[in-house]
Amino acid sequence: MSRLGRRALGVAGGLLLQKALPEPPDRWHPVGWFGIAMQKVEAIGYADDRSAGVRHALAGVAIGGLAGGAIRSTTLAVAICAAGRELRRAASLIETPLLTGDLAVARVALPSLVGRDPSHLDASGIAAAVVESLAENSVDAVVAPAFWGLIVGAPGVMVHRAINTMDAMVGHRNDRYENFGWAAARLDDGANWVPARLFALLVMTAAPARARAVRASVRRDAHLHPSPNSGVAETAVAAALCRELGGPLQYGERHEDRPRLGDGPRPEAVDIAGARDLTSRTEWALIGTLVLLWWADHRLGRVLIRVPDTRRST
């Protein structure tokens, strides 16, 4: 069996482990430890310029790479860094009060999943935010760890999680991080470029009846989004659910008028269940693809072993 085949099986095992095992408390989670470490790095090296941000990002990448080298196991690295089940659980905690019309509780719960200001969002706005987060974070927390685990192994998984965590911490367009967070944000864009497009393919696999609509909508709308990756993921989910995402939103004092993605009515509370089910099916499709890759690699290896050498000696 080749290294790729072993990694495919290891990544599939890691995704299954994160489905089966409970999420550890924040104080015991390695990703939480990394966040604490990077807060200290920021406190020491912060400056309002891009060069300081580059040094900060390189330090985070180095920590992630060292952690991956220490772990060595791709299965364990993926189990630590993937969070599809936890993502859907967080969505359900917002969905439950939203279904009963308790907007106050839903608004309080929303910041655990998205960064936008929930204070003026109605039920449809909250539902849209949850669906968009399920789409975007399925790339960050499921497909990307699997992709980098397959390509590089445990170090790739941990470096990606380091980049993604740094982007969540400092990759903001505000006075403090506009320059300092630039490097982390660009690294995150690059690290998730291929996984975002793989996610769209997985959505087409998980919703075959809507595959053509997903492909057409992604080609038409995804590039309108300010993020090269979120636009792909959100448009794919919007098209699969026959809903429209995007539109105006508020991040603190910053207002953005995002493009409309997909066709159909705006999401309602009941659509969160559909988005959770869709992202769960994409995760299973990914696991199945990895197992199939392992099986094909295993079979090819056995065939090559059995092929006799027919060359004649001279």
Protein backbone atom coordinates (compact mmCIF):
# COMPACT_ATOMS: atom_id res chain seq x y z
CA MET A 1 0.00 0.00 0.00
CA SER A 2 1.29 3.48 -0.88
CA ARG A 3 1.65 6.37 1.53
CA LEU A 4 -1.40 8.02 -0.06
CA GLY A 5 -3.52 4.94 0.59
CA ARG A 6 -2.43 4.79 4.23
CA ARG A 7 -3.16 8.47 4.68
CA ALA A 8 -6.60 8.10 3.07
CA LEU A 9 -7.50 5.39 5.57
CA GLY A 10 -6.03 7.41 8.43
CA VAL A 11 -7.99 10.53 7.51
CA ALA A 12 -11.22 8.53 7.22
CA GLY A 13 -10.54 7.04 10.65
CA GLY A 14 -9.93 10.50 12.11
CA LEU A 15 -13.23 11.81 10.73
CA LEU A 16 -15.05 8.81 12.22
CA LEU A 17 -13.31 9.34 15.58
CA GLN A 18 -14.41 12.99 15.78
CA LYS A 19 -17.96 11.82 15.13
CA ALA A 20 -17.81 9.22 17.91
CA LEU A 21 -15.82 10.94 20.66
CA PRO A 22 -17.13 13.85 22.76
CA GLU A 23 -15.53 17.26 22.26
CA PRO A 24 -13.08 17.97 25.12
CA PRO A 25 -13.55 21.11 27.24
CA ASP A 26 -11.83 24.20 25.86
CA ARG A 27 -9.20 24.17 28.60
CA TRP A 28 -8.10 20.67 27.51
CA HIS A 29 -8.38 21.14 23.76
CA PRO A 30 -5.07 21.42 21.84
CA VAL A 31 -6.61 24.05 19.55
CA GLY A 32 -7.42 26.09 22.65
CA TRP A 33 -3.83 25.74 23.83
CA PHE A 34 -2.64 27.01 20.46
CA GLY A 35 -4.95 30.02 20.76
CA ILE A 36 -3.50 30.87 24.18
CA ALA A 37 0.04 30.55 22.81
CA MET A 38 -0.73 32.84 19.88
CA GLN A 39 -2.25 35.46 22.20
CA LYS A 40 1.12 35.58 23.96
CA VAL A 41 2.96 35.77 20.64
CA GLU A 42 0.70 38.65 19.60
CA ALA A 43 1.25 40.47 22.90
CA ILE A 44 5.01 40.32 22.35
CA GLY A 45 5.21 41.04 18.63
CA TYR A 46 2.16 43.13 17.73
CA ALA A 47 2.67 46.17 15.53
CA ASP A 48 0.32 47.87 13.14
CA ASP A 49 2.10 46.71 9.99
CA ARG A 50 2.15 43.70 7.70
CA SER A 51 5.71 42.63 8.47
CA ALA A 52 4.79 42.06 12.12
CA GLY A 53 1.79 40.08 10.95
CA VAL A 54 3.99 37.94 8.71
CA ARG A 55 6.26 37.12 11.66
CA HIS A 56 3.20 36.29 13.76
CA ALA A 57 1.83 34.00 11.05
CA LEU A 58 5.17 32.24 10.56
CA ALA A 59 5.39 31.60 14.30
CA GLY A 60 1.93 30.03 14.24
CA VAL A 61 2.79 27.86 11.24
CA ALA A 62 5.98 26.71 12.98
CA ILE A 63 4.05 25.78 16.14
CA GLY A 64 1.49 23.88 14.08
CA GLY A 65 4.18 22.01 12.16
CA LEU A 66 6.03 21.05 15.32
CA ALA A 67 2.79 19.83 16.89
CA GLY A 68 2.01 17.74 13.83
CA GLY A 69 5.50 16.27 13.84
CA ALA A 70 5.12 15.36 17.51
CA ILE A 71 1.68 13.76 17.01
CA ARG A 72 2.75 11.92 13.84
CA SER A 73 -0.58 10.05 13.59
CA THR A 74 -2.75 11.46 10.80
CA THR A 75 -5.79 9.79 12.36
CA LEU A 76 -5.23 11.51 15.70
CA ALA A 77 -4.47 14.88 14.09
CA VAL A 78 -7.71 14.79 12.08
CA ALA A 79 -9.70 13.67 15.12
CA ILE A 80 -8.32 16.65 17.07
CA CYS A 81 -8.79 19.27 14.35
CA ALA A 82 -11.97 18.21 12.54
CA ALA A 83 -15.20 19.43 14.08
CA GLY A 84 -18.13 18.61 11.84
CA ARG A 85 -20.24 17.12 14.59
CA GLU A 86 -19.54 20.01 16.96
CA LEU A 87 -20.39 22.50 14.21
CA ARG A 88 -23.79 20.91 13.65
CA ARG A 89 -24.40 20.71 17.40
CA ALA A 90 -23.75 24.45 17.73
CA ALA A 91 -26.19 25.09 14.88
CA SER A 92 -28.87 23.04 16.60
CA LEU A 93 -28.50 25.13 19.79
CA ILE A 94 -29.54 28.17 17.77
CA GLU A 95 -32.14 26.30 15.77
CA THR A 96 -34.09 25.12 18.84
CA PRO A 97 -35.09 28.55 20.25
CA LEU A 98 -35.56 29.89 16.73
CA LEU A 99 -38.18 27.22 15.99
CA THR A 100 -40.13 28.26 19.08
CA GLY A 101 -39.94 31.95 18.19
CA ASP A 102 -37.54 32.86 21.02
CA LEU A 103 -35.41 35.36 19.09
CA ALA A 104 -33.72 36.70 22.23
CA VAL A 105 -32.20 33.32 23.10
CA ALA A 106 -31.29 32.64 19.47
CA ARG A 107 -29.50 36.01 19.25
CA VAL A 108 -27.53 35.25 22.41
CA ALA A 109 -26.47 31.86 21.02
CA LEU A 110 -25.57 33.07 17.51
CA PRO A 111 -22.10 34.56 18.32
CA SER A 112 -20.89 31.07 19.24
CA LEU A 113 -21.13 30.27 15.53
CA VAL A 114 -20.73 33.53 13.57
CA GLY A 115 -19.03 36.87 14.09
CA ARG A 116 -21.78 39.18 12.85
CA ASP A 117 -23.89 41.43 15.08
CA PRO A 118 -27.12 39.53 15.88
CA SER A 119 -28.93 42.38 17.69
CA HIS A 120 -31.05 43.47 14.73
CA LEU A 121 -31.42 40.16 12.92
CA ASP A 122 -34.91 38.74 12.48
CA ALA A 123 -35.64 34.98 12.38
CA SER A 124 -34.75 34.73 8.70
CA GLY A 125 -31.51 36.65 9.20
CA ILE A 126 -30.46 34.35 12.04
CA ALA A 127 -31.34 31.27 9.98
CA ALA A 128 -29.33 32.60 7.02
CA ALA A 129 -26.32 33.24 9.30
CA VAL A 130 -26.46 29.67 10.63
CA VAL A 131 -26.77 28.13 7.16
CA GLU A 132 -23.89 30.25 5.85
CA SER A 133 -21.74 29.27 8.83
CA LEU A 134 -22.50 25.57 8.32
CA ALA A 135 -21.35 25.92 4.71
CA GLU A 136 -18.20 27.96 5.34
CA ASN A 137 -17.08 26.07 8.43
CA SER A 138 -17.65 22.67 6.85
CA VAL A 139 -14.75 23.64 4.61
CA ASP A 140 -12.59 24.86 7.52
CA ALA A 141 -13.45 22.11 9.99
CA VAL A 142 -14.03 19.03 7.82
CA VAL A 143 -12.85 19.12 4.22
CA ALA A 144 -9.64 21.11 4.72
CA PRO A 145 -8.26 18.97 7.59
CA ALA A 146 -9.04 15.89 5.50
CA PHE A 147 -7.40 17.34 2.39
CA TRP A 148 -4.20 18.43 4.11
CA GLY A 149 -4.04 15.18 6.06
CA LEU A 150 -4.23 13.28 2.77
CA ILE A 151 -1.58 15.45 1.10
CA VAL A 152 0.92 16.04 3.94
CA GLY A 153 -0.16 13.90 6.90
CA ALA A 154 -0.37 15.05 10.53
CA PRO A 155 1.83 18.16 10.06
CA GLY A 156 -0.44 19.36 7.26
CA VAL A 157 -3.53 18.95 9.43
CA MET A 158 -2.00 20.85 12.34
CA VAL A 159 -0.56 23.64 10.19
CA HIS A 160 -3.95 24.15 8.56
CA ARG A 161 -5.66 24.33 11.95
CA ALA A 162 -3.02 26.83 13.10
CA ILE A 163 -3.63 29.01 10.03
CA ASN A 164 -7.40 28.79 10.41
CA THR A 165 -7.23 29.64 14.11
CA MET A 166 -4.96 32.62 13.47
CA ASP A 167 -7.36 33.88 10.83
CA ALA A 168 -10.24 33.64 13.33
CA MET A 169 -8.17 35.54 15.90
CA VAL A 170 -6.55 38.31 13.86
CA GLY A 171 -7.87 38.11 10.30
CA HIS A 172 -10.38 40.93 10.79
CA ARG A 173 -10.85 44.14 8.84
CA ASN A 174 -10.73 46.58 11.72
CA ASP A 175 -8.35 49.23 13.00
CA ARG A 176 -6.22 46.81 15.02
CA TYR A 177 -5.92 43.92 12.56
CA GLU A 178 -6.25 45.43 9.08
CA ASN A 179 -2.48 45.21 8.62
CA PHE A 180 -1.38 42.81 11.36
CA GLY A 181 -3.91 40.14 10.35
CA TRP A 182 -3.29 40.42 6.61
CA ALA A 183 -0.81 37.53 6.42
CA ALA A 184 -2.99 35.14 8.44
CA ALA A 185 -6.02 35.97 6.29
CA ARG A 186 -4.13 35.42 3.03
CA LEU A 187 -2.68 32.13 4.29
CA ASP A 188 -6.18 30.99 5.21
CA ASP A 189 -7.46 31.89 1.74
CA GLY A 190 -4.70 29.83 0.16
CA ALA A 191 -5.04 26.85 2.51
CA ASN A 192 -8.79 26.58 1.89
CA TRP A 193 -8.88 27.28 -1.86
CA VAL A 194 -8.86 23.65 -2.99
CA PRO A 195 -10.95 22.34 -0.03
CA ALA A 196 -13.72 24.87 -0.75
CA ARG A 197 -14.05 23.57 -4.30
CA LEU A 198 -13.90 19.98 -3.13
CA PHE A 199 -16.73 20.83 -0.74
CA ALA A 200 -18.86 22.04 -3.66
CA LEU A 201 -18.22 18.71 -5.42
CA LEU A 202 -19.19 16.85 -2.24
CA VAL A 203 -22.41 18.88 -2.03
CA MET A 204 -23.20 17.81 -5.60
CA THR A 205 -22.56 14.20 -4.57
CA ALA A 206 -24.72 14.52 -1.45
CA ALA A 207 -27.57 16.24 -3.35
CA PRO A 208 -27.43 14.64 -6.81
CA ALA A 209 -30.83 15.95 -7.88
CA ARG A 210 -29.49 19.49 -7.44
CA ALA A 211 -25.99 18.87 -8.84
CA ARG A 212 -26.51 20.84 -12.05
CA ALA A 213 -28.07 23.74 -10.16
CA VAL A 214 -25.18 23.76 -7.68
CA ARG A 215 -22.62 23.82 -10.49
CA ALA A 216 -24.43 26.60 -12.36
CA SER A 217 -24.94 28.74 -9.25
CA VAL A 218 -21.31 28.39 -8.14
CA ARG A 219 -20.09 29.45 -11.57
CA ARG A 220 -22.50 32.40 -11.62
CA ASP A 221 -22.44 33.71 -8.04
CA ALA A 222 -19.43 32.47 -6.06
CA HIS A 223 -16.95 34.99 -7.47
CA LEU A 224 -19.17 37.88 -6.32
CA HIS A 225 -18.45 37.09 -2.66
CA PRO A 226 -15.52 38.98 -1.05
CA SER A 227 -14.01 35.67 0.08
CA PRO A 228 -12.66 33.36 -2.65
CA ASN A 229 -13.69 30.33 -0.61
CA SER A 230 -16.76 31.27 1.43
CA GLY A 231 -18.54 32.29 -1.77
CA VAL A 232 -18.06 28.81 -3.23
CA ALA A 233 -19.23 27.00 -0.10
CA GLU A 234 -22.21 29.24 0.60
CA THR A 235 -23.39 29.27 -3.00
CA ALA A 236 -23.19 25.47 -3.20
CA VAL A 237 -25.33 25.06 -0.10
CA ALA A 238 -27.77 27.77 -1.18
CA ALA A 239 -28.31 26.05 -4.52
CA ALA A 240 -28.64 22.60 -2.95
CA LEU A 241 -31.32 23.89 -0.53
CA CYS A 242 -33.06 26.10 -3.13
CA ARG A 243 -32.55 29.13 -0.90
CA GLU A 244 -30.96 32.55 -1.25
CA LEU A 245 -28.05 33.50 1.01
CA GLY A 246 -25.96 36.65 1.30
CA GLY A 247 -27.30 40.19 1.57
CA PRO A 248 -26.60 42.94 4.12
CA LEU A 249 -24.96 42.16 7.44
CA GLN A 250 -23.28 43.94 10.33
CA TYR A 251 -19.91 43.25 12.00
CA GLY A 252 -19.81 45.60 14.97
CA GLU A 253 -19.74 49.08 13.45
CA ARG A 254 -18.87 47.79 9.98
CA HIS A 255 -21.73 47.28 7.54
CA GLU A 256 -21.41 45.03 4.49
CA ASP A 257 -23.85 44.54 1.65
CA ARG A 258 -22.96 41.04 0.51
CA PRO A 259 -24.06 39.74 -2.91
CA ARG A 260 -27.07 37.46 -3.12
CA LEU A 261 -26.11 33.83 -3.61
CA GLY A 262 -28.41 31.22 -5.12
CA ASP A 263 -32.08 31.41 -6.08
CA GLY A 264 -35.18 30.99 -3.98
CA PRO A 265 -36.75 32.35 -0.80
CA ARG A 266 -34.72 33.50 2.16
CA PRO A 267 -33.93 30.79 4.76
CA GLU A 268 -36.25 30.17 7.68
CA ALA A 269 -35.68 28.30 10.93
CA VAL A 270 -36.76 24.98 9.39
CA ASP A 271 -33.98 25.26 6.79
CA ILE A 272 -31.28 24.88 9.44
CA ALA A 273 -32.18 21.18 9.76
CA GLY A 274 -31.83 20.83 6.00
CA ALA A 275 -28.40 22.47 6.09
CA ARG A 276 -27.29 20.27 8.98
CA ASP A 277 -28.42 17.17 7.12
CA LEU A 278 -26.71 18.31 3.91
CA THR A 279 -23.37 19.00 5.59
CA SER A 280 -23.58 15.68 7.42
CA ARG A 281 -24.12 13.89 4.11
CA THR A 282 -21.17 15.72 2.56
CA GLU A 283 -19.02 14.51 5.44
CA TRP A 284 -20.14 10.92 4.88
CA ALA A 285 -19.49 11.34 1.16
CA LEU A 286 -15.96 12.49 2.01
CA ILE A 287 -15.39 9.49 4.28
CA GLY A 288 -16.69 7.17 1.58
CA THR A 289 -14.41 8.76 -1.01
CA LEU A 290 -11.38 8.32 1.25
CA VAL A 291 -12.22 4.67 1.92
CA LEU A 292 -12.69 4.12 -1.81
CA LEU A 293 -9.30 5.72 -2.45
CA TRP A 294 -7.70 3.42 0.11
CA TRP A 295 -9.41 0.37 -1.39
CA ALA A 296 -8.33 1.30 -4.93
CA ASP A 297 -4.76 1.86 -3.77
CA HIS A 298 -4.80 -1.44 -1.89
CA ARG A 299 -6.14 -3.36 -4.91
CA LEU A 300 -3.68 -1.70 -7.28
CA GLY A 301 -0.82 -2.66 -5.00
CA ARG A 302 -1.95 -6.29 -4.94
CA VAL A 303 -2.29 -6.35 -8.73
CA LEU A 304 1.21 -4.94 -9.20
CA ILE A 305 2.63 -7.54 -6.84
CA ARG A 306 1.01 -10.34 -8.85
CA VAL A 307 2.12 -9.12 -12.29
CA PRO A 308 4.97 -11.41 -13.41
CA ASP A 309 8.13 -10.06 -14.94
CA THR A 310 7.90 -11.16 -18.59
CA ARG A 311 11.14 -9.53 -19.70
CA ARG A 312 13.63 -11.95 -21.24
CA SER A 313 17.17 -11.98 -20.09
CA THR A 314 19.77 -11.63 -22.84
